[in-house]
Amino acid sequence: MYIDDMVREISKYPNGTYLKIEWENSQLVLEGIIDTIYETDNGLEEDDAGYMEFYACSFRIEKIIKNVSNRNYNIGSLMEISIENPPVIITLHDGSIIWQDGNSK
């Protein structure tokens, strides 16, 4: 099971920790809390050469700061943060950067 640097950094904080997460060069900015870290896969069949298992973070959306993407997000809904949906920056409530562009802080 693969755990990338981003999820490894998120997993250092308990469930319920407030995060501000930005994707797509601030085209999408959400605030919310860590719900859980879990095992998942990329949806391919296990015998497919591209099959991969990895850890992901379930994030509960509490506030939509900016959304100029074509995607619909709802307060209270969960979304996955993973290597398949990597943000550009993750910060704590106090503004401390815990992860940015694949480089742990």
C-alpha atoms as a PDB file:
ATOM      1  CA  MET A   1       0.000   0.000   0.000  1.00  0.00           C
ATOM      2  CA  TYR A   2       1.485   3.331  -1.103  1.00  0.00           C
ATOM      3  CA  ILE A   3       1.332   6.452   1.069  1.00  0.00           C
ATOM      4  CA  ASP A   4       2.545   9.581  -0.728  1.00  0.00           C
ATOM      5  CA  ASP A   5       4.188  12.549   1.020  1.00  0.00           C
ATOM      6  CA  MET A   6       1.003  14.635   0.952  1.00  0.00           C
ATOM      7  CA  VAL A   7      -1.183  12.067   2.734  1.00  0.00           C
ATOM      8  CA  ARG A   8       1.711  11.228   5.084  1.00  0.00           C
ATOM      9  CA  GLU A   9       1.780  14.901   6.162  1.00  0.00           C
ATOM     10  CA  ILE A  10      -2.012  15.082   6.551  1.00  0.00           C
ATOM     11  CA  SER A  11      -1.982  11.864   8.614  1.00  0.00           C
ATOM     12  CA  LYS A  12       0.171  13.581  11.268  1.00  0.00           C
ATOM     13  CA  TYR A  13      -2.957  15.519  12.302  1.00  0.00           C
ATOM     14  CA  PRO A  14      -6.022  14.029  14.026  1.00  0.00           C
ATOM     15  CA  ASN A  15      -9.449  13.696  12.448  1.00  0.00           C
ATOM     16  CA  GLY A  16     -11.305  16.984  12.889  1.00  0.00           C
ATOM     17  CA  THR A  17      -8.259  19.142  12.130  1.00  0.00           C
ATOM     18  CA  TYR A  18      -9.156  22.269  10.145  1.00  0.00           C
ATOM     19  CA  LEU A  19      -7.498  22.589   6.735  1.00  0.00           C
ATOM     20  CA  LYS A  20      -7.551  25.153   3.955  1.00  0.00           C
ATOM     21  CA  ILE A  21      -6.859  23.497   0.617  1.00  0.00           C
ATOM     22  CA  GLU A  22      -6.184  25.124  -2.752  1.00  0.00           C
ATOM     23  CA  TRP A  23      -6.257  23.443  -6.160  1.00  0.00           C
ATOM     24  CA  GLU A  24      -5.568  24.654  -9.677  1.00  0.00           C
ATOM     25  CA  ASN A  25      -3.575  27.775  -8.732  1.00  0.00           C
ATOM     26  CA  SER A  26      -6.317  29.060  -6.422  1.00  0.00           C
ATOM     27  CA  GLN A  27      -9.140  28.390  -8.892  1.00  0.00           C
ATOM     28  CA  LEU A  28     -10.648  26.213  -6.142  1.00  0.00           C
ATOM     29  CA  VAL A  29     -10.160  27.016  -2.444  1.00  0.00           C
ATOM     30  CA  LEU A  30     -11.993  25.047   0.229  1.00  0.00           C
ATOM     31  CA  GLU A  31     -11.925  25.003   4.017  1.00  0.00           C
ATOM     32  CA  GLY A  32     -12.929  22.012   6.052  1.00  0.00           C
ATOM     33  CA  ILE A  33     -11.834  19.236   8.346  1.00  0.00           C
ATOM     34  CA  ILE A  34     -10.048  15.922   8.087  1.00  0.00           C
ATOM     35  CA  ASP A  35     -12.662  13.175   8.266  1.00  0.00           C
ATOM     36  CA  THR A  36     -10.445  10.082   7.960  1.00  0.00           C
ATOM     37  CA  ILE A  37      -7.467   8.534   6.201  1.00  0.00           C
ATOM     38  CA  TYR A  38      -8.285   5.334   4.328  1.00  0.00           C
ATOM     39  CA  GLU A  39      -7.022   2.782   1.826  1.00  0.00           C
ATOM     40  CA  THR A  40      -8.334   2.941  -1.730  1.00  0.00           C
ATOM     41  CA  ASP A  41      -7.342   2.167  -5.315  1.00  0.00           C
ATOM     42  CA  ASN A  42      -7.501   3.812  -8.726  1.00  0.00           C
ATOM     43  CA  GLY A  43     -10.530   1.803  -9.864  1.00  0.00           C
ATOM     44  CA  LEU A  44      -8.716  -0.467 -12.300  1.00  0.00           C
ATOM     45  CA  GLU A  45      -8.853  -4.250 -12.121  1.00  0.00           C
ATOM     46  CA  GLU A  46      -6.153  -5.797  -9.913  1.00  0.00           C
ATOM     47  CA  ASP A  47      -4.600  -7.617 -12.864  1.00  0.00           C
ATOM     48  CA  ASP A  48      -4.345  -4.382 -14.916  1.00  0.00           C
ATOM     49  CA  ALA A  49      -0.751  -3.136 -15.283  1.00  0.00           C
ATOM     50  CA  GLY A  50      -1.777   0.353 -14.097  1.00  0.00           C
ATOM     51  CA  TYR A  51      -3.571  -0.847 -10.950  1.00  0.00           C
ATOM     52  CA  MET A  52      -2.464   0.978  -7.792  1.00  0.00           C
ATOM     53  CA  GLU A  53      -3.506   0.939  -4.142  1.00  0.00           C
ATOM     54  CA  PHE A  54      -2.845   4.039  -2.052  1.00  0.00           C
ATOM     55  CA  TYR A  55      -3.970   6.021   0.981  1.00  0.00           C
ATOM     56  CA  ALA A  56      -6.320   8.981   0.683  1.00  0.00           C
ATOM     57  CA  CYS A  57      -7.873  11.572   2.990  1.00  0.00           C
ATOM     58  CA  SER A  58     -11.587  12.165   3.257  1.00  0.00           C
ATOM     59  CA  PHE A  59     -12.148  15.918   3.717  1.00  0.00           C
ATOM     60  CA  ARG A  60     -15.470  17.418   4.924  1.00  0.00           C
ATOM     61  CA  ILE A  61     -16.154  20.742   3.204  1.00  0.00           C
ATOM     62  CA  GLU A  62     -17.097  23.480   5.691  1.00  0.00           C
ATOM     63  CA  LYS A  63     -16.631  26.588   3.533  1.00  0.00           C
ATOM     64  CA  ILE A  64     -16.171  27.319  -0.169  1.00  0.00           C
ATOM     65  CA  ILE A  65     -13.789  30.278  -0.446  1.00  0.00           C
ATOM     66  CA  LYS A  66     -13.441  30.297  -4.220  1.00  0.00           C
ATOM     67  CA  ASN A  67     -14.764  28.052  -6.980  1.00  0.00           C
ATOM     68  CA  VAL A  68     -14.255  29.176 -10.553  1.00  0.00           C
ATOM     69  CA  SER A  69     -14.027  25.581 -11.757  1.00  0.00           C
ATOM     70  CA  ASN A  70     -16.896  23.822 -13.510  1.00  0.00           C
ATOM     71  CA  ARG A  71     -17.345  21.461 -10.561  1.00  0.00           C
ATOM     72  CA  ASN A  72     -20.157  21.540  -8.012  1.00  0.00           C
ATOM     73  CA  TYR A  73     -19.202  21.331  -4.318  1.00  0.00           C
ATOM     74  CA  ASN A  74     -21.535  21.396  -1.317  1.00  0.00           C
ATOM     75  CA  ILE A  75     -21.022  22.413   2.300  1.00  0.00           C
ATOM     76  CA  GLY A  76     -21.006  19.273   4.471  1.00  0.00           C
ATOM     77  CA  SER A  77     -20.088  16.926   1.646  1.00  0.00           C
ATOM     78  CA  LEU A  78     -16.964  14.781   1.602  1.00  0.00           C
ATOM     79  CA  MET A  79     -14.282  14.832  -1.033  1.00  0.00           C
ATOM     80  CA  GLU A  80     -11.135  12.798  -1.505  1.00  0.00           C
ATOM     81  CA  ILE A  81      -7.667  14.291  -1.265  1.00  0.00           C
ATOM     82  CA  SER A  82      -5.188  11.893  -2.853  1.00  0.00           C
ATOM     83  CA  ILE A  83      -2.568  11.421  -5.529  1.00  0.00           C
ATOM     84  CA  GLU A  84      -5.508  11.347  -7.953  1.00  0.00           C
ATOM     85  CA  ASN A  85      -6.785  14.752  -6.739  1.00  0.00           C
ATOM     86  CA  PRO A  86      -3.689  16.594  -5.478  1.00  0.00           C
ATOM     87  CA  PRO A  87      -4.011  20.205  -4.339  1.00  0.00           C
ATOM     88  CA  VAL A  88      -1.248  22.773  -4.787  1.00  0.00           C
ATOM     89  CA  ILE A  89      -1.177  23.811  -1.106  1.00  0.00           C
ATOM     90  CA  ILE A  90      -2.595  22.686   2.249  1.00  0.00           C
ATOM     91  CA  THR A  91      -2.526  24.956   5.293  1.00  0.00           C
ATOM     92  CA  LEU A  92      -3.709  24.760   8.887  1.00  0.00           C
ATOM     93  CA  HIS A  93      -6.117  27.251  10.507  1.00  0.00           C
ATOM     94  CA  ASP A  94      -3.190  29.416  11.633  1.00  0.00           C
ATOM     95  CA  GLY A  95      -1.842  29.608   8.060  1.00  0.00           C
ATOM     96  CA  SER A  96       1.018  27.147   8.610  1.00  0.00           C
ATOM     97  CA  ILE A  97       1.786  25.268   5.400  1.00  0.00           C
ATOM     98  CA  ILE A  98       1.778  21.508   5.915  1.00  0.00           C
ATOM     99  CA  TRP A  99       2.155  20.585   2.237  1.00  0.00           C
ATOM    100  CA  GLN A 100       2.835  22.442  -0.990  1.00  0.00           C
ATOM    101  CA  ASP A 101       3.370  21.252  -4.584  1.00  0.00           C
ATOM    102  CA  GLY A 102       4.460  17.786  -3.480  1.00  0.00           C
ATOM    103  CA  ASN A 103       7.038  19.093  -1.001  1.00  0.00           C
ATOM    104  CA  SER A 104       6.390  18.460   2.683  1.00  0.00           C
ATOM    105  CA  LYS A 105       6.859  21.432   4.962  1.00  0.00           C
END
